[in-house]
Amino acid sequence: MSDQENLGRVAPGKLAGARDLAHKAVQWATKAARANLEAAPDDSHSNLGWDPKHGAFRSQPIPNDGGTCFIGFAIADCELFVVRDGQDMAQYKLAGKTDADAGAWLDGQLTELGLKPATSVALPYEMPASAEQIGTYAPDAVAEELKVLAAWYSLADTALTAFAKENDYLHPGPSPVRCWPHHFDYATYVSLEEGDFETARGVGVGMSPGDESYAEPYFYINPWPHLDKASLPQLPAPGHWHTEGFVGAIATASEILSLSGIPGELSAFIDAAFAAGRESHGA
């Protein structure tokens, strides 16, 4: 079954348990990177890329004895893995395991590679309580949900990678499409001018797997500075403007599933919402 066919197998509002499990487990990949890479001012050393081969997020490349390794987490399989120089080196199923088990296994793999242990890292942010409360990983209870969650990230990778490529003529332009493990969203930020990040114009374009704003995955296009919510331009289907807490164009998973041709129509929505944001900012 294709990723697109997987999207509707579980109602979007029922993915919270899978999201919490995956959100907690993926922190091991970012901890390995934090332990072994020089810290970047924008924390980008800790972010994650999508690995289509494994249906997984994996760390930034970690130099190792003349080669490069990655630590990843495969969502549907609920499995940590190590890749070195393009070759799968080791896998660890998390079913029935605790964080202590996962940390011991990963530290062993990193030590064999001459790297620093992941358990030496304290995350500089708080995880959602619902994820932090997971004691033993139990992926069998949310097996279908994990497959569907992976399918939403795969769709996001396809749509956002194409979007960033189409807009790479802009300056400064799109950042790499990456997952930020704090919020677990997958996004690019299109800088529309040079200057201080707090004041320079730009547009965030990404997908959240669900949060306090929406209890399901959703795509967002958030112009910065925020647009005036009293004079927002019209959006095409399937989205709407969100104006509580932030101002952004939103297409929820439920709205996206109503489309007849999801990849093409979703991309058209993203393009139109981005164009509206640029026009409103005069960029």
Protein backbone atom coordinates (compact mmCIF):
# COMPACT_ATOMS: atom_id res chain seq x y z
CA MET A 1 0.00 0.00 0.00
CA SER A 2 1.36 3.43 -0.98
CA ASP A 3 1.96 6.26 1.47
CA GLN A 4 -0.96 8.20 -0.02
CA GLU A 5 -3.30 5.22 0.42
CA ASN A 6 -2.17 4.98 4.06
CA LEU A 7 -3.20 8.56 4.83
CA GLY A 8 -6.87 7.82 5.44
CA ARG A 9 -6.58 4.43 7.14
CA VAL A 10 -6.90 6.04 10.58
CA ALA A 11 -8.93 9.15 11.35
CA PRO A 12 -6.52 12.10 11.66
CA GLY A 13 -7.74 12.93 15.16
CA LYS A 14 -6.75 9.50 16.45
CA LEU A 15 -2.99 9.78 15.89
CA ALA A 16 -2.07 11.39 19.22
CA GLY A 17 -0.80 8.17 20.82
CA ALA A 18 1.42 7.36 17.85
CA ARG A 19 2.62 10.95 17.71
CA ASP A 20 3.63 10.92 21.38
CA LEU A 21 5.47 7.61 21.03
CA ALA A 22 7.36 8.72 17.91
CA HIS A 23 8.08 12.16 19.36
CA LYS A 24 9.70 10.60 22.41
CA ALA A 25 11.67 7.97 20.50
CA VAL A 26 13.07 10.37 17.89
CA GLN A 27 14.83 12.32 20.65
CA TRP A 28 17.50 9.58 20.68
CA ALA A 29 18.59 10.61 17.19
CA THR A 30 18.88 14.25 18.16
CA LYS A 31 20.65 13.38 21.44
CA ALA A 32 23.30 11.46 19.50
CA ALA A 33 23.86 14.52 17.29
CA ARG A 34 23.94 16.91 20.24
CA ALA A 35 26.54 14.72 21.94
CA ASN A 36 28.85 14.56 18.94
CA LEU A 37 28.43 17.71 16.82
CA GLU A 38 29.55 21.26 17.43
CA ALA A 39 26.54 23.31 18.50
CA ALA A 40 25.18 25.65 15.84
CA PRO A 41 23.88 29.07 16.93
CA ASP A 42 20.43 28.27 15.52
CA ASP A 43 20.45 24.73 16.99
CA SER A 44 20.37 23.26 13.47
CA HIS A 45 22.94 20.62 14.43
CA SER A 46 20.13 18.93 16.33
CA ASN A 47 17.48 18.86 13.62
CA LEU A 48 16.53 15.83 11.55
CA GLY A 49 16.07 14.92 7.90
CA TRP A 50 13.55 12.55 6.32
CA ASP A 51 14.92 9.23 5.11
CA PRO A 52 12.50 7.79 2.49
CA LYS A 53 14.28 4.42 2.42
CA HIS A 54 13.50 3.75 6.08
CA GLY A 55 10.37 5.92 6.46
CA ALA A 56 12.35 7.60 9.18
CA PHE A 57 13.90 10.70 10.61
CA ARG A 58 17.65 10.66 10.97
CA SER A 59 20.23 12.91 12.50
CA GLN A 60 22.61 15.33 10.88
CA PRO A 61 25.70 13.50 9.58
CA ILE A 62 28.12 12.64 12.39
CA PRO A 63 31.80 12.38 11.33
CA ASN A 64 33.36 9.10 12.37
CA ASP A 65 36.89 7.80 11.73
CA GLY A 66 37.08 9.20 8.21
CA GLY A 67 33.47 8.30 7.46
CA THR A 68 29.99 9.51 8.32
CA CYS A 69 27.23 7.95 10.35
CA PHE A 70 23.59 8.78 11.04
CA ILE A 71 21.29 7.77 13.88
CA GLY A 72 17.68 7.36 12.87
CA PHE A 73 14.23 6.40 14.04
CA ALA A 74 11.88 4.51 11.70
CA ILE A 75 8.34 5.53 12.64
CA ALA A 76 6.20 2.63 11.39
CA ASP A 77 8.69 0.01 12.64
CA CYS A 78 9.32 1.87 15.93
CA GLU A 79 13.00 1.11 15.46
CA LEU A 80 16.25 2.94 16.10
CA PHE A 81 18.98 2.34 13.54
CA VAL A 82 22.55 3.26 12.68
CA VAL A 83 23.78 3.95 9.14
CA ARG A 84 27.48 4.36 8.37
CA ASP A 85 28.76 5.41 4.96
CA GLY A 86 25.43 4.49 3.40
CA GLN A 87 25.29 1.01 4.91
CA ASP A 88 22.78 -0.15 7.53
CA MET A 89 24.87 -1.16 10.52
CA ALA A 90 22.46 -1.96 13.36
CA GLN A 91 18.76 -1.83 14.27
CA TYR A 92 16.94 -1.90 17.61
CA LYS A 93 13.23 -2.54 17.96
CA LEU A 94 11.75 -0.46 20.77
CA ALA A 95 8.69 -2.65 21.39
CA GLY A 96 8.64 -3.62 25.06
CA LYS A 97 11.73 -1.50 25.80
CA THR A 98 12.21 1.47 28.09
CA ASP A 99 14.23 4.62 27.54
CA ALA A 100 16.93 3.10 29.73
CA ASP A 101 17.09 0.11 27.37
CA ALA A 102 17.20 2.35 24.30
CA GLY A 103 19.89 4.55 25.79
CA ALA A 104 22.07 1.60 26.73
CA TRP A 105 21.81 0.13 23.23
CA LEU A 106 22.51 3.42 21.47
CA ASP A 107 25.40 4.30 23.77
CA GLY A 108 26.92 0.91 22.96
CA GLN A 109 26.66 1.58 19.23
CA LEU A 110 28.14 5.05 19.55
CA THR A 111 30.99 3.82 21.74
CA GLU A 112 31.90 1.17 19.16
CA LEU A 113 32.12 3.97 16.61
CA GLY A 114 34.37 6.01 18.88
CA LEU A 115 31.64 8.56 19.58
CA LYS A 116 30.23 10.15 22.72
CA PRO A 117 27.17 8.58 24.38
CA ALA A 118 23.70 9.95 23.75
CA THR A 119 22.71 9.56 27.39
CA SER A 120 25.19 12.30 28.29
CA VAL A 121 22.81 14.86 26.75
CA ALA A 122 20.11 16.76 28.60
CA LEU A 123 17.59 18.22 26.18
CA PRO A 124 17.31 22.04 26.41
CA TYR A 125 13.51 21.90 26.16
CA GLU A 126 10.59 20.18 27.81
CA MET A 127 8.76 17.40 26.03
CA PRO A 128 4.96 17.24 26.05
CA ALA A 129 3.79 15.56 29.24
CA SER A 130 1.83 12.95 27.24
CA ALA A 131 5.07 11.86 25.53
CA GLU A 132 7.24 12.08 28.62
CA GLN A 133 4.86 9.82 30.57
CA ILE A 134 5.48 6.86 28.25
CA GLY A 135 7.34 4.28 30.33
CA THR A 136 7.59 1.27 28.04
CA TYR A 137 7.32 1.58 24.28
CA ALA A 138 4.20 -0.26 23.10
CA PRO A 139 3.99 0.25 19.33
CA ASP A 140 1.68 -2.73 18.78
CA ALA A 141 -1.14 -0.76 20.39
CA VAL A 142 -0.78 1.98 17.75
CA ALA A 143 0.67 0.01 14.84
CA GLU A 144 -1.76 1.31 12.20
CA GLU A 145 -1.50 4.83 13.58
CA LEU A 146 2.29 4.77 13.26
CA LYS A 147 1.99 3.77 9.60
CA VAL A 148 -0.42 6.62 8.96
CA LEU A 149 1.77 9.12 10.84
CA ALA A 150 4.75 8.05 8.71
CA ALA A 151 2.60 8.55 5.60
CA TRP A 152 1.81 12.14 6.62
CA TYR A 153 5.51 12.89 7.06
CA SER A 154 6.24 11.28 3.70
CA LEU A 155 3.61 13.50 2.06
CA ALA A 156 5.15 16.51 3.79
CA ASP A 157 8.60 15.56 2.52
CA THR A 158 7.34 15.33 -1.05
CA ALA A 159 5.39 18.60 -0.93
CA LEU A 160 7.89 20.69 1.02
CA THR A 161 10.98 19.50 -0.85
CA ALA A 162 9.31 20.41 -4.15
CA PHE A 163 8.19 23.77 -2.73
CA ALA A 164 11.69 24.65 -1.50
CA LYS A 165 13.21 23.69 -4.86
CA GLU A 166 10.69 25.81 -6.77
CA ASN A 167 11.49 28.84 -4.61
CA ASP A 168 15.26 28.54 -4.38
CA TYR A 169 15.59 31.56 -6.69
CA LEU A 170 14.50 33.80 -3.82
CA HIS A 171 17.12 35.51 -1.68
CA PRO A 172 17.99 34.59 1.00
CA GLY A 173 15.40 31.93 0.21
CA PRO A 174 14.29 28.62 1.71
CA SER A 175 16.17 26.87 4.47
CA PRO A 176 16.71 23.09 4.22
CA VAL A 177 13.52 21.13 4.91
CA ARG A 178 14.09 19.63 8.35
CA CYS A 179 12.32 18.24 11.39
CA TRP A 180 12.73 20.25 14.59
CA PRO A 181 12.52 17.64 17.34
CA HIS A 182 11.23 20.05 19.99
CA HIS A 183 7.86 20.52 18.27
CA PHE A 184 8.25 17.53 15.92
CA ASP A 185 7.21 19.60 12.92
CA TYR A 186 8.79 19.30 9.47
CA ALA A 187 9.38 22.62 7.77
CA THR A 188 11.35 25.14 5.77
CA TYR A 189 11.62 28.86 6.45
CA VAL A 190 11.73 31.15 3.44
CA SER A 191 13.68 34.30 4.29
CA LEU A 192 12.51 37.16 2.10
CA GLU A 193 15.16 39.66 3.14
CA GLU A 194 18.41 39.91 5.05
CA GLY A 195 18.33 41.18 8.59
CA ASP A 196 17.49 40.28 12.14
CA PHE A 197 15.31 37.18 12.36
CA GLU A 198 12.89 38.94 14.72
CA THR A 199 12.07 41.69 12.24
CA ALA A 200 13.06 40.49 8.73
CA ARG A 201 10.24 39.31 6.53
CA GLY A 202 9.85 35.60 5.88
CA VAL A 203 7.38 32.72 5.67
CA GLY A 204 7.42 29.43 7.55
CA VAL A 205 6.03 26.53 5.53
CA GLY A 206 5.66 23.14 7.12
CA MET A 207 3.63 20.34 8.65
CA SER A 208 2.88 19.73 12.31
CA PRO A 209 1.79 16.22 13.39
CA GLY A 210 -0.72 17.90 15.72
CA ASP A 211 -0.49 20.07 18.82
CA GLU A 212 -2.53 22.23 21.18
CA SER A 213 -3.95 24.15 18.20
CA TYR A 214 -5.10 21.13 16.18
CA ALA A 215 -5.43 17.55 17.41
CA GLU A 216 -4.42 16.18 14.00
CA PRO A 217 -1.66 16.76 11.43
CA TYR A 218 -1.84 20.04 9.56
CA PHE A 219 0.14 21.99 6.98
CA TYR A 220 0.85 25.63 7.73
CA ILE A 221 2.06 28.71 5.89
CA ASN A 222 2.93 31.37 8.47
CA PRO A 223 4.10 34.78 7.19
CA TRP A 224 6.35 36.74 9.55
CA PRO A 225 5.75 39.32 10.88
CA HIS A 226 2.18 38.10 11.38
CA LEU A 227 -0.35 39.46 8.93
CA ASP A 228 -3.15 41.75 10.06
CA LYS A 229 -6.01 39.35 10.78
CA ALA A 230 -8.52 42.08 9.91
CA SER A 231 -7.50 42.07 6.24
CA LEU A 232 -6.48 38.54 5.28
CA PRO A 233 -6.59 37.53 1.60
CA GLN A 234 -8.87 34.74 0.43
CA LEU A 235 -7.41 31.23 0.39
CA PRO A 236 -8.14 28.41 -2.03
CA ALA A 237 -9.41 25.03 -0.85
CA PRO A 238 -8.74 23.12 1.29
CA GLY A 239 -7.43 25.56 3.87
CA HIS A 240 -8.43 28.41 6.14
CA TRP A 241 -6.82 31.20 8.15
CA HIS A 242 -5.91 30.52 11.76
CA THR A 243 -5.92 33.66 13.91
CA GLU A 244 -5.72 32.53 17.54
CA GLY A 245 -2.18 32.77 18.93
CA PHE A 246 -0.66 33.05 15.47
CA VAL A 247 -1.85 34.07 12.01
CA GLY A 248 -1.28 31.46 9.35
CA ALA A 249 -2.87 29.58 6.48
CA ILE A 250 -3.81 26.09 7.62
CA ALA A 251 -4.86 22.89 5.87
CA THR A 252 -5.71 20.16 8.35
CA ALA A 253 -5.39 16.48 7.58
CA SER A 254 -9.18 16.19 7.53
CA GLU A 255 -9.40 19.00 4.99
CA ILE A 256 -6.64 17.46 2.88
CA LEU A 257 -8.35 14.07 2.83
CA SER A 258 -11.36 15.73 1.19
CA LEU A 259 -9.27 16.46 -1.92
CA SER A 260 -9.59 14.29 -5.01
CA GLY A 261 -5.90 14.61 -5.95
CA ILE A 262 -4.01 15.14 -2.73
CA PRO A 263 -0.39 15.77 -3.83
CA GLY A 264 -1.21 18.21 -6.63
CA GLU A 265 -4.00 20.09 -4.85
CA LEU A 266 -2.01 20.32 -1.61
CA SER A 267 0.96 21.79 -3.49
CA ALA A 268 -1.35 24.27 -5.21
CA PHE A 269 -2.71 25.36 -1.82
CA ILE A 270 0.80 25.80 -0.39
CA ASP A 271 1.87 27.82 -3.43
CA ALA A 272 -1.22 30.05 -3.29
CA ALA A 273 -0.96 30.66 0.47
CA PHE A 274 2.76 31.44 0.15
CA ALA A 275 2.07 33.87 -2.69
CA ALA A 276 -0.61 35.56 -0.57
CA GLY A 277 1.85 35.93 2.29
CA ARG A 278 4.54 37.40 0.04
CA GLU A 279 2.10 39.81 -1.56
CA SER A 280 0.80 40.97 1.82
CA HIS A 281 4.39 41.64 2.88
CA GLY A 282 5.20 43.39 -0.39
CA ALA A 283 8.00 40.91 -1.10
